[in-house]
C-alpha cells in the first residue's frame, strides 16, 4: 500500500461525520493561510451530506473565509433544478445556504431543465473547470507552460457505494474507462436516477488530497476490495489516489474487513 494512504476508523456514523467536518475546516484554514483561498470538491450520499451539516453547526466554521472557498462537485444527478435527488440542492441545504459563500465560487453541474441534453451539461462543466484552471495558470508565476484541464483541488470528498463506485463511476461501465476528458456523462446508472454527470478518474486523481468517507456494514466489502489493489475497472474506489494524500475515513462497520495493522486510529 502507498505510503500516502491513511485509513482511519471512527466509532460511529455521527463521530465520523463530526470528525470529518472538523478535519475539513482545519484543512481549509491551513490552505487559506498558505494561499489565500481554498478549493473543495463536494460529494453527496448520507455521510457526505451529514459532514456538511456538521460543518455548518461547528463554531469553528466562523474562522473560515467562506467567500474565498471554491466549491465544485464530484458528480450530480441529471435531474431538474428542484429535484431532491440533486447533490447540489442537498449540499446547499446542508451547508452552502448557511455560510457566506461567494456564489461565483460555487460551481454546480447543470440540472436537466437548464440545458438541451446531457452532452451539453458535460461540456459546460468541463469548460467551467478549464476556465478556472486557466485563471489560476495566468495568476501563478510558477505555472507550467500550458494550463491544466482542471484547477487545483485541495480536498476532494468521495462517498463509496456498496459496489465500490465513487462519484458516478460504476464498475465496468464507460465512465470509469474514460481517459483524456475532465467530465463524463453517465447513462443507465445501476443506482437511480440513471442519468448523471461525473468527474472522470483522471480529474479526481488530480486532487491534492482525496478523502473517501464511508459508513455502514454494507460498505465493508467495498472498502476491503478498494484497499486490496483490485482493478479500478471492477472496483473504481481502488483507483482513487490523491497527489499528496488519500484518506479512507470510515466508521467501525465500514472498516470491519480492514486489517487492524493498516488502520490509524484518532487519538
C-alpha atoms as a PDB file:
ATOM      1  CA  UNK A   1       0.000   0.000   0.000  1.00  0.00           C
ATOM      2  CA  UNK A   2       1.248   3.503  -0.857  1.00  0.00           C
ATOM      3  CA  UNK A   3       2.734   5.485   2.000  1.00  0.00           C
ATOM      4  CA  UNK A   4       0.349   8.356   1.341  1.00  0.00           C
ATOM      5  CA  UNK A   5      -2.748   6.221   2.032  1.00  0.00           C
ATOM      6  CA  UNK A   6      -4.190   6.541   5.527  1.00  0.00           C
ATOM      7  CA  UNK A   7      -7.092   4.501   6.926  1.00  0.00           C
ATOM      8  CA  UNK A   8      -8.836   5.924   9.982  1.00  0.00           C
ATOM      9  CA  UNK A   9     -11.788   4.217  11.714  1.00  0.00           C
ATOM     10  CA  UNK A  10     -14.319   6.070  13.853  1.00  0.00           C
ATOM     11  CA  UNK A  11     -16.656   4.523  16.421  1.00  0.00           C
ATOM     12  CA  UNK A  12     -19.932   5.596  14.797  1.00  0.00           C
ATOM     13  CA  UNK A  13     -21.582   7.371  11.855  1.00  0.00           C
ATOM     14  CA  UNK A  14     -22.091  10.509  13.947  1.00  0.00           C
ATOM     15  CA  UNK A  15     -18.483  10.637  15.117  1.00  0.00           C
ATOM     16  CA  UNK A  16     -17.293  10.057  11.546  1.00  0.00           C
ATOM     17  CA  UNK A  17     -19.347  12.968  10.211  1.00  0.00           C
ATOM     18  CA  UNK A  18     -18.357  15.319  13.035  1.00  0.00           C
ATOM     19  CA  UNK A  19     -14.666  14.423  12.851  1.00  0.00           C
ATOM     20  CA  UNK A  20     -14.556  14.744   9.069  1.00  0.00           C
ATOM     21  CA  UNK A  21     -16.219  18.154   9.362  1.00  0.00           C
ATOM     22  CA  UNK A  22     -13.599  19.286  11.868  1.00  0.00           C
ATOM     23  CA  UNK A  23     -10.854  17.914   9.640  1.00  0.00           C
ATOM     24  CA  UNK A  24     -12.252  19.788   6.634  1.00  0.00           C
ATOM     25  CA  UNK A  25     -12.470  23.096   8.496  1.00  0.00           C
ATOM     26  CA  UNK A  26      -8.872  22.693   9.642  1.00  0.00           C
ATOM     27  CA  UNK A  27      -7.698  21.890   6.132  1.00  0.00           C
ATOM     28  CA  UNK A  28      -9.499  24.887   4.635  1.00  0.00           C
ATOM     29  CA  UNK A  29      -7.930  27.164   7.255  1.00  0.00           C
ATOM     30  CA  UNK A  30      -4.464  25.757   6.586  1.00  0.00           C
ATOM     31  CA  UNK A  31      -4.777  26.213   2.828  1.00  0.00           C
ATOM     32  CA  UNK A  32      -6.211  29.717   3.155  1.00  0.00           C
ATOM     33  CA  UNK A  33      -3.356  30.647   5.470  1.00  0.00           C
ATOM     34  CA  UNK A  34      -0.907  29.469   2.827  1.00  0.00           C
ATOM     35  CA  UNK A  35      -2.583  30.592  -0.404  1.00  0.00           C
ATOM     36  CA  UNK A  36      -5.436  32.942   0.498  1.00  0.00           C
ATOM     37  CA  UNK A  37      -8.152  30.733  -0.961  1.00  0.00           C
ATOM     38  CA  UNK A  38      -9.044  27.047  -0.884  1.00  0.00           C
ATOM     39  CA  UNK A  39     -10.907  24.637  -3.135  1.00  0.00           C
ATOM     40  CA  UNK A  40     -13.014  21.666  -2.121  1.00  0.00           C
ATOM     41  CA  UNK A  41     -14.909  19.149  -4.226  1.00  0.00           C
ATOM     42  CA  UNK A  42     -18.128  18.035  -2.549  1.00  0.00           C
ATOM     43  CA  UNK A  43     -19.852  14.678  -2.592  1.00  0.00           C
ATOM     44  CA  UNK A  44     -23.405  13.551  -1.926  1.00  0.00           C
ATOM     45  CA  UNK A  45     -24.582  10.498  -0.017  1.00  0.00           C
ATOM     46  CA  UNK A  46     -25.697  10.179   3.570  1.00  0.00           C
ATOM     47  CA  UNK A  47     -22.339  10.614   5.272  1.00  0.00           C
ATOM     48  CA  UNK A  48     -21.174  13.291   2.811  1.00  0.00           C
ATOM     49  CA  UNK A  49     -24.217  15.457   3.465  1.00  0.00           C
ATOM     50  CA  UNK A  50     -24.067  14.725   7.211  1.00  0.00           C
ATOM     51  CA  UNK A  51     -20.486  16.001   7.174  1.00  0.00           C
ATOM     52  CA  UNK A  52     -21.597  19.260   5.561  1.00  0.00           C
ATOM     53  CA  UNK A  53     -24.307  19.671   8.201  1.00  0.00           C
ATOM     54  CA  UNK A  54     -21.670  19.230  10.890  1.00  0.00           C
ATOM     55  CA  UNK A  55     -19.519  21.906   9.255  1.00  0.00           C
ATOM     56  CA  UNK A  56     -22.490  24.297   9.312  1.00  0.00           C
ATOM     57  CA  UNK A  57     -23.059  23.566  13.033  1.00  0.00           C
ATOM     58  CA  UNK A  58     -19.442  23.904  14.122  1.00  0.00           C
ATOM     59  CA  UNK A  59     -18.400  27.121  15.909  1.00  0.00           C
ATOM     60  CA  UNK A  60     -15.026  26.732  14.178  1.00  0.00           C
ATOM     61  CA  UNK A  61     -16.694  27.442  10.817  1.00  0.00           C
ATOM     62  CA  UNK A  62     -16.539  31.131  11.726  1.00  0.00           C
ATOM     63  CA  UNK A  63     -12.756  31.070  11.300  1.00  0.00           C
ATOM     64  CA  UNK A  64     -13.024  30.130   7.610  1.00  0.00           C
ATOM     65  CA  UNK A  65     -13.235  32.873   4.999  1.00  0.00           C
ATOM     66  CA  UNK A  66     -16.107  31.244   3.112  1.00  0.00           C
ATOM     67  CA  UNK A  67     -16.035  33.956   0.480  1.00  0.00           C
ATOM     68  CA  UNK A  68     -12.669  32.564  -0.619  1.00  0.00           C
ATOM     69  CA  UNK A  69     -13.601  28.899  -0.785  1.00  0.00           C
ATOM     70  CA  UNK A  70     -14.206  27.452  -4.254  1.00  0.00           C
ATOM     71  CA  UNK A  71     -16.778  24.651  -4.359  1.00  0.00           C
ATOM     72  CA  UNK A  72     -17.003  22.019  -7.091  1.00  0.00           C
ATOM     73  CA  UNK A  73     -18.928  18.751  -7.264  1.00  0.00           C
ATOM     74  CA  UNK A  74     -17.592  15.277  -7.947  1.00  0.00           C
ATOM     75  CA  UNK A  75     -20.848  14.293  -9.600  1.00  0.00           C
ATOM     76  CA  UNK A  76     -24.518  15.074  -9.741  1.00  0.00           C
ATOM     77  CA  UNK A  77     -27.748  13.552 -10.912  1.00  0.00           C
ATOM     78  CA  UNK A  78     -29.029  14.953 -14.231  1.00  0.00           C
ATOM     79  CA  UNK A  79     -32.434  15.907 -12.886  1.00  0.00           C
ATOM     80  CA  UNK A  80     -34.486  19.137 -12.758  1.00  0.00           C
ATOM     81  CA  UNK A  81     -33.395  22.103 -10.654  1.00  0.00           C
ATOM     82  CA  UNK A  82     -35.840  21.482  -7.837  1.00  0.00           C
ATOM     83  CA  UNK A  83     -35.340  17.710  -7.612  1.00  0.00           C
ATOM     84  CA  UNK A  84     -34.473  16.458  -4.109  1.00  0.00           C
ATOM     85  CA  UNK A  85     -32.094  13.997  -5.810  1.00  0.00           C
ATOM     86  CA  UNK A  86     -29.660  16.781  -6.779  1.00  0.00           C
ATOM     87  CA  UNK A  87     -26.386  16.719  -4.868  1.00  0.00           C
ATOM     88  CA  UNK A  88     -26.148  20.477  -5.275  1.00  0.00           C
ATOM     89  CA  UNK A  89     -29.516  21.061  -3.612  1.00  0.00           C
ATOM     90  CA  UNK A  90     -28.663  18.758  -0.735  1.00  0.00           C
ATOM     91  CA  UNK A  91     -25.290  20.473  -0.244  1.00  0.00           C
ATOM     92  CA  UNK A  92     -26.936  23.896  -0.343  1.00  0.00           C
ATOM     93  CA  UNK A  93     -29.479  22.879   2.282  1.00  0.00           C
ATOM     94  CA  UNK A  94     -26.801  21.319   4.494  1.00  0.00           C
ATOM     95  CA  UNK A  95     -24.052  23.943   4.243  1.00  0.00           C
ATOM     96  CA  UNK A  96     -23.929  26.420   1.372  1.00  0.00           C
ATOM     97  CA  UNK A  97     -27.059  28.302   2.441  1.00  0.00           C
ATOM     98  CA  UNK A  98     -25.682  28.691   5.966  1.00  0.00           C
ATOM     99  CA  UNK A  99     -22.253  30.216   5.380  1.00  0.00           C
ATOM    100  CA  UNK A 100     -21.342  33.400   3.468  1.00  0.00           C
ATOM    101  CA  UNK A 101     -20.102  31.825   0.250  1.00  0.00           C
ATOM    102  CA  UNK A 102     -19.348  33.782  -2.899  1.00  0.00           C
ATOM    103  CA  UNK A 103     -21.959  32.496  -5.403  1.00  0.00           C
ATOM    104  CA  UNK A 104     -19.428  32.924  -8.216  1.00  0.00           C
ATOM    105  CA  UNK A 105     -17.205  30.357  -6.496  1.00  0.00           C
ATOM    106  CA  UNK A 106     -19.935  27.696  -6.220  1.00  0.00           C
ATOM    107  CA  UNK A 107     -19.799  25.559  -9.350  1.00  0.00           C
ATOM    108  CA  UNK A 108     -22.897  23.380  -9.685  1.00  0.00           C
ATOM    109  CA  UNK A 109     -23.388  20.906 -12.503  1.00  0.00           C
ATOM    110  CA  UNK A 110     -26.219  21.885 -14.832  1.00  0.00           C
ATOM    111  CA  UNK A 111     -29.670  20.477 -13.999  1.00  0.00           C
ATOM    112  CA  UNK A 112     -31.647  18.810 -16.771  1.00  0.00           C
ATOM    113  CA  UNK A 113     -34.104  21.695 -17.181  1.00  0.00           C
ATOM    114  CA  UNK A 114     -31.360  24.253 -17.866  1.00  0.00           C
ATOM    115  CA  UNK A 115     -29.626  22.655 -20.870  1.00  0.00           C
ATOM    116  CA  UNK A 116     -30.590  20.826 -24.039  1.00  0.00           C
ATOM    117  CA  UNK A 117     -29.173  17.437 -23.082  1.00  0.00           C
ATOM    118  CA  UNK A 118     -26.598  15.521 -21.067  1.00  0.00           C
ATOM    119  CA  UNK A 119     -23.835  16.264 -23.553  1.00  0.00           C
ATOM    120  CA  UNK A 120     -24.282  19.993 -23.073  1.00  0.00           C
ATOM    121  CA  UNK A 121     -24.151  19.616 -19.289  1.00  0.00           C
ATOM    122  CA  UNK A 122     -20.885  17.685 -19.583  1.00  0.00           C
ATOM    123  CA  UNK A 123     -19.372  20.220 -21.975  1.00  0.00           C
ATOM    124  CA  UNK A 124     -20.385  23.168 -19.805  1.00  0.00           C
ATOM    125  CA  UNK A 125     -18.805  21.729 -16.670  1.00  0.00           C
ATOM    126  CA  UNK A 126     -15.606  20.805 -18.490  1.00  0.00           C
ATOM    127  CA  UNK A 127     -15.435  24.349 -19.866  1.00  0.00           C
ATOM    128  CA  UNK A 128     -16.025  25.830 -16.416  1.00  0.00           C
ATOM    129  CA  UNK A 129     -13.217  23.713 -14.977  1.00  0.00           C
ATOM    130  CA  UNK A 130     -10.895  24.716 -17.822  1.00  0.00           C
ATOM    131  CA  UNK A 131     -11.719  28.403 -17.357  1.00  0.00           C
ATOM    132  CA  UNK A 132     -10.913  28.232 -13.640  1.00  0.00           C
ATOM    133  CA  UNK A 133      -7.700  26.342 -14.402  1.00  0.00           C
ATOM    134  CA  UNK A 134      -6.633  28.957 -16.936  1.00  0.00           C
ATOM    135  CA  UNK A 135      -7.284  31.768 -14.453  1.00  0.00           C
ATOM    136  CA  UNK A 136      -5.108  30.026 -11.871  1.00  0.00           C
ATOM    137  CA  UNK A 137      -2.423  29.444 -14.502  1.00  0.00           C
ATOM    138  CA  UNK A 138      -2.382  33.088 -15.557  1.00  0.00           C
ATOM    139  CA  UNK A 139      -2.019  34.215 -11.945  1.00  0.00           C
ATOM    140  CA  UNK A 140       0.722  31.755 -10.997  1.00  0.00           C
ATOM    141  CA  UNK A 141       4.280  32.819 -11.745  1.00  0.00           C
ATOM    142  CA  UNK A 142       5.446  29.215 -11.292  1.00  0.00           C
ATOM    143  CA  UNK A 143       2.805  27.759 -13.594  1.00  0.00           C
ATOM    144  CA  UNK A 144       3.637  25.147 -16.259  1.00  0.00           C
ATOM    145  CA  UNK A 145       3.906  26.067 -19.938  1.00  0.00           C
ATOM    146  CA  UNK A 146       0.297  25.099 -20.638  1.00  0.00           C
ATOM    147  CA  UNK A 147      -2.759  25.473 -18.400  1.00  0.00           C
ATOM    148  CA  UNK A 148      -4.112  22.217 -16.966  1.00  0.00           C
ATOM    149  CA  UNK A 149      -7.612  20.974 -17.755  1.00  0.00           C
ATOM    150  CA  UNK A 150      -8.817  21.481 -14.198  1.00  0.00           C
ATOM    151  CA  UNK A 151      -7.984  23.834 -11.324  1.00  0.00           C
ATOM    152  CA  UNK A 152      -6.193  22.824  -8.156  1.00  0.00           C
ATOM    153  CA  UNK A 153      -8.411  20.803  -5.808  1.00  0.00           C
ATOM    154  CA  UNK A 154      -7.147  20.997  -2.231  1.00  0.00           C
ATOM    155  CA  UNK A 155      -9.614  18.420  -0.871  1.00  0.00           C
ATOM    156  CA  UNK A 156     -11.864  16.123  -2.870  1.00  0.00           C
ATOM    157  CA  UNK A 157     -14.531  14.280  -0.908  1.00  0.00           C
ATOM    158  CA  UNK A 158     -15.826  10.948  -2.169  1.00  0.00           C
ATOM    159  CA  UNK A 159     -18.592   8.715  -0.981  1.00  0.00           C
ATOM    160  CA  UNK A 160     -18.447   4.987  -1.590  1.00  0.00           C
ATOM    161  CA  UNK A 161     -21.162   2.693  -2.881  1.00  0.00           C
ATOM    162  CA  UNK A 162     -21.620  -0.935  -1.804  1.00  0.00           C
ATOM    163  CA  UNK A 163     -20.423  -1.828  -5.319  1.00  0.00           C
ATOM    164  CA  UNK A 164     -17.280   0.309  -4.729  1.00  0.00           C
ATOM    165  CA  UNK A 165     -18.367   3.080  -7.080  1.00  0.00           C
ATOM    166  CA  UNK A 166     -17.079   6.598  -6.446  1.00  0.00           C
ATOM    167  CA  UNK A 167     -18.688   9.797  -7.757  1.00  0.00           C
ATOM    168  CA  UNK A 168     -20.806   8.342 -10.587  1.00  0.00           C
ATOM    169  CA  UNK A 169     -18.102   5.997 -11.858  1.00  0.00           C
ATOM    170  CA  UNK A 170     -19.544   2.495 -11.659  1.00  0.00           C
ATOM    171  CA  UNK A 171     -17.805  -0.875 -12.097  1.00  0.00           C
ATOM    172  CA  UNK A 172     -17.297  -1.995 -15.697  1.00  0.00           C
ATOM    173  CA  UNK A 173     -19.173   0.987 -17.146  1.00  0.00           C
ATOM    174  CA  UNK A 174     -17.918   3.541 -19.666  1.00  0.00           C
ATOM    175  CA  UNK A 175     -17.353   6.287 -17.103  1.00  0.00           C
ATOM    176  CA  UNK A 176     -14.583   4.510 -15.211  1.00  0.00           C
ATOM    177  CA  UNK A 177     -12.865   3.688 -18.512  1.00  0.00           C
ATOM    178  CA  UNK A 178     -12.908   7.283 -19.809  1.00  0.00           C
ATOM    179  CA  UNK A 179      -9.496   8.798 -20.477  1.00  0.00           C
ATOM    180  CA  UNK A 180      -8.460  12.204 -21.751  1.00  0.00           C
ATOM    181  CA  UNK A 181     -11.558  14.045 -20.532  1.00  0.00           C
ATOM    182  CA  UNK A 182     -12.290  16.005 -17.380  1.00  0.00           C
ATOM    183  CA  UNK A 183     -16.007  15.219 -17.174  1.00  0.00           C
ATOM    184  CA  UNK A 184     -18.149  12.343 -18.375  1.00  0.00           C
ATOM    185  CA  UNK A 185     -21.850  11.762 -18.876  1.00  0.00           C
ATOM    186  CA  UNK A 186     -23.299   8.608 -17.344  1.00  0.00           C
ATOM    187  CA  UNK A 187     -26.253   6.726 -18.798  1.00  0.00           C
ATOM    188  CA  UNK A 188     -28.017   3.722 -17.281  1.00  0.00           C
ATOM    189  CA  UNK A 189     -26.507   4.133 -13.836  1.00  0.00           C
ATOM    190  CA  UNK A 190     -27.260   0.981 -11.824  1.00  0.00           C
ATOM    191  CA  UNK A 191     -28.235   3.297  -8.971  1.00  0.00           C
ATOM    192  CA  UNK A 192     -31.174   5.594  -9.754  1.00  0.00           C
ATOM    193  CA  UNK A 193     -31.561   8.188 -11.076  1.00  0.00           C
ATOM    194  CA  UNK A 194     -29.940   6.686 -14.167  1.00  0.00           C
ATOM    195  CA  UNK A 195     -28.525   9.792 -15.894  1.00  0.00           C
ATOM    196  CA  UNK A 196     -25.646  11.666 -14.261  1.00  0.00           C
ATOM    197  CA  UNK A 197     -22.648  13.926 -14.749  1.00  0.00           C
ATOM    198  CA  UNK A 198     -19.339  12.944 -13.126  1.00  0.00           C
ATOM    199  CA  UNK A 199     -15.718  13.937 -12.925  1.00  0.00           C
ATOM    200  CA  UNK A 200     -13.506  11.306 -14.514  1.00  0.00           C
ATOM    201  CA  UNK A 201     -10.989   9.307 -12.506  1.00  0.00           C
ATOM    202  CA  UNK A 202      -8.162  11.333 -14.068  1.00  0.00           C
ATOM    203  CA  UNK A 203      -9.760  14.526 -12.787  1.00  0.00           C
ATOM    204  CA  UNK A 204     -10.426  13.040  -9.362  1.00  0.00           C
ATOM    205  CA  UNK A 205      -6.809  11.960  -9.075  1.00  0.00           C
ATOM    206  CA  UNK A 206      -5.565  15.478  -9.794  1.00  0.00           C
ATOM    207  CA  UNK A 207      -6.707  16.477  -6.267  1.00  0.00           C
ATOM    208  CA  UNK A 208      -4.042  17.190  -3.687  1.00  0.00           C
ATOM    209  CA  UNK A 209      -5.953  15.155  -1.114  1.00  0.00           C
ATOM    210  CA  UNK A 210      -8.740  12.625  -1.650  1.00  0.00           C
ATOM    211  CA  UNK A 211     -10.933  11.706   1.305  1.00  0.00           C
ATOM    212  CA  UNK A 212     -13.085   8.617   0.850  1.00  0.00           C
ATOM    213  CA  UNK A 213     -15.776   8.738   3.528  1.00  0.00           C
ATOM    214  CA  UNK A 214     -17.866   5.618   4.122  1.00  0.00           C
ATOM    215  CA  UNK A 215     -20.197   4.301   6.813  1.00  0.00           C
ATOM    216  CA  UNK A 216     -22.210   1.151   7.340  1.00  0.00           C
ATOM    217  CA  UNK A 217     -21.739  -2.596   7.182  1.00  0.00           C
ATOM    218  CA  UNK A 218     -22.948  -2.634   3.570  1.00  0.00           C
ATOM    219  CA  UNK A 219     -19.764  -0.744   2.615  1.00  0.00           C
ATOM    220  CA  UNK A 220     -17.319  -3.118   4.328  1.00  0.00           C
ATOM    221  CA  UNK A 221     -16.769  -5.378   1.322  1.00  0.00           C
ATOM    222  CA  UNK A 222     -16.272  -2.385  -0.978  1.00  0.00           C
ATOM    223  CA  UNK A 223     -13.728  -0.893   1.429  1.00  0.00           C
ATOM    224  CA  UNK A 224     -11.856  -4.185   1.586  1.00  0.00           C
ATOM    225  CA  UNK A 225     -11.745  -4.515  -2.188  1.00  0.00           C
ATOM    226  CA  UNK A 226     -10.791  -0.877  -2.640  1.00  0.00           C
ATOM    227  CA  UNK A 227      -7.767  -1.315  -0.395  1.00  0.00           C
ATOM    228  CA  UNK A 228      -6.741  -4.697  -1.793  1.00  0.00           C
ATOM    229  CA  UNK A 229      -5.326  -3.404  -5.060  1.00  0.00           C
ATOM    230  CA  UNK A 230      -8.167  -4.620  -7.277  1.00  0.00           C
ATOM    231  CA  UNK A 231      -8.542  -3.260 -10.799  1.00  0.00           C
ATOM    232  CA  UNK A 232     -10.185   0.161 -10.946  1.00  0.00           C
ATOM    233  CA  UNK A 233     -12.428  -1.101 -13.733  1.00  0.00           C
ATOM    234  CA  UNK A 234     -14.030  -3.650 -11.402  1.00  0.00           C
ATOM    235  CA  UNK A 235     -13.501  -1.621  -8.209  1.00  0.00           C
ATOM    236  CA  UNK A 236     -13.451   2.107  -9.024  1.00  0.00           C
ATOM    237  CA  UNK A 237     -12.553   3.104  -5.466  1.00  0.00           C
ATOM    238  CA  UNK A 238      -9.237   1.295  -5.790  1.00  0.00           C
ATOM    239  CA  UNK A 239      -8.168   3.790  -8.452  1.00  0.00           C
ATOM    240  CA  UNK A 240      -8.650   6.914  -6.339  1.00  0.00           C
ATOM    241  CA  UNK A 241      -5.235   8.314  -5.425  1.00  0.00           C
ATOM    242  CA  UNK A 242      -4.612  11.905  -4.321  1.00  0.00           C
ATOM    243  CA  UNK A 243      -1.424  13.664  -5.381  1.00  0.00           C
ATOM    244  CA  UNK A 244      -0.271  14.092  -1.773  1.00  0.00           C
ATOM    245  CA  UNK A 245      -2.641  12.026   0.341  1.00  0.00           C
ATOM    246  CA  UNK A 246      -5.528   9.573   0.160  1.00  0.00           C
ATOM    247  CA  UNK A 247      -7.575   9.087   3.311  1.00  0.00           C
ATOM    248  CA  UNK A 248     -10.178   6.434   3.985  1.00  0.00           C
ATOM    249  CA  UNK A 249     -12.369   7.827   6.750  1.00  0.00           C
ATOM    250  CA  UNK A 250     -14.634   5.047   7.985  1.00  0.00           C
ATOM    251  CA  UNK A 251     -16.983   4.110  10.770  1.00  0.00           C
ATOM    252  CA  UNK A 252     -16.328   0.824  12.559  1.00  0.00           C
ATOM    253  CA  UNK A 253     -18.899  -1.057  10.484  1.00  0.00           C
ATOM    254  CA  UNK A 254     -17.383   0.024   7.166  1.00  0.00           C
ATOM    255  CA  UNK A 255     -13.895  -0.785   8.463  1.00  0.00           C
ATOM    256  CA  UNK A 256     -14.819  -4.336   9.500  1.00  0.00           C
ATOM    257  CA  UNK A 257     -12.803  -6.037   6.748  1.00  0.00           C
ATOM    258  CA  UNK A 258      -9.699  -3.858   7.045  1.00  0.00           C
ATOM    259  CA  UNK A 259      -6.775  -5.477   8.885  1.00  0.00           C
ATOM    260  CA  UNK A 260      -6.158  -3.714  12.185  1.00  0.00           C
ATOM    261  CA  UNK A 261      -2.479  -3.248  11.326  1.00  0.00           C
ATOM    262  CA  UNK A 262      -3.389  -0.965   8.450  1.00  0.00           C
ATOM    263  CA  UNK A 263      -5.569   1.402  10.434  1.00  0.00           C
ATOM    264  CA  UNK A 264      -4.620   4.588  12.195  1.00  0.00           C
ATOM    265  CA  UNK A 265      -6.986   5.462  14.993  1.00  0.00           C
ATOM    266  CA  UNK A 266      -7.624   9.033  16.052  1.00  0.00           C
ATOM    267  CA  UNK A 267      -6.279  10.000  19.484  1.00  0.00           C
END
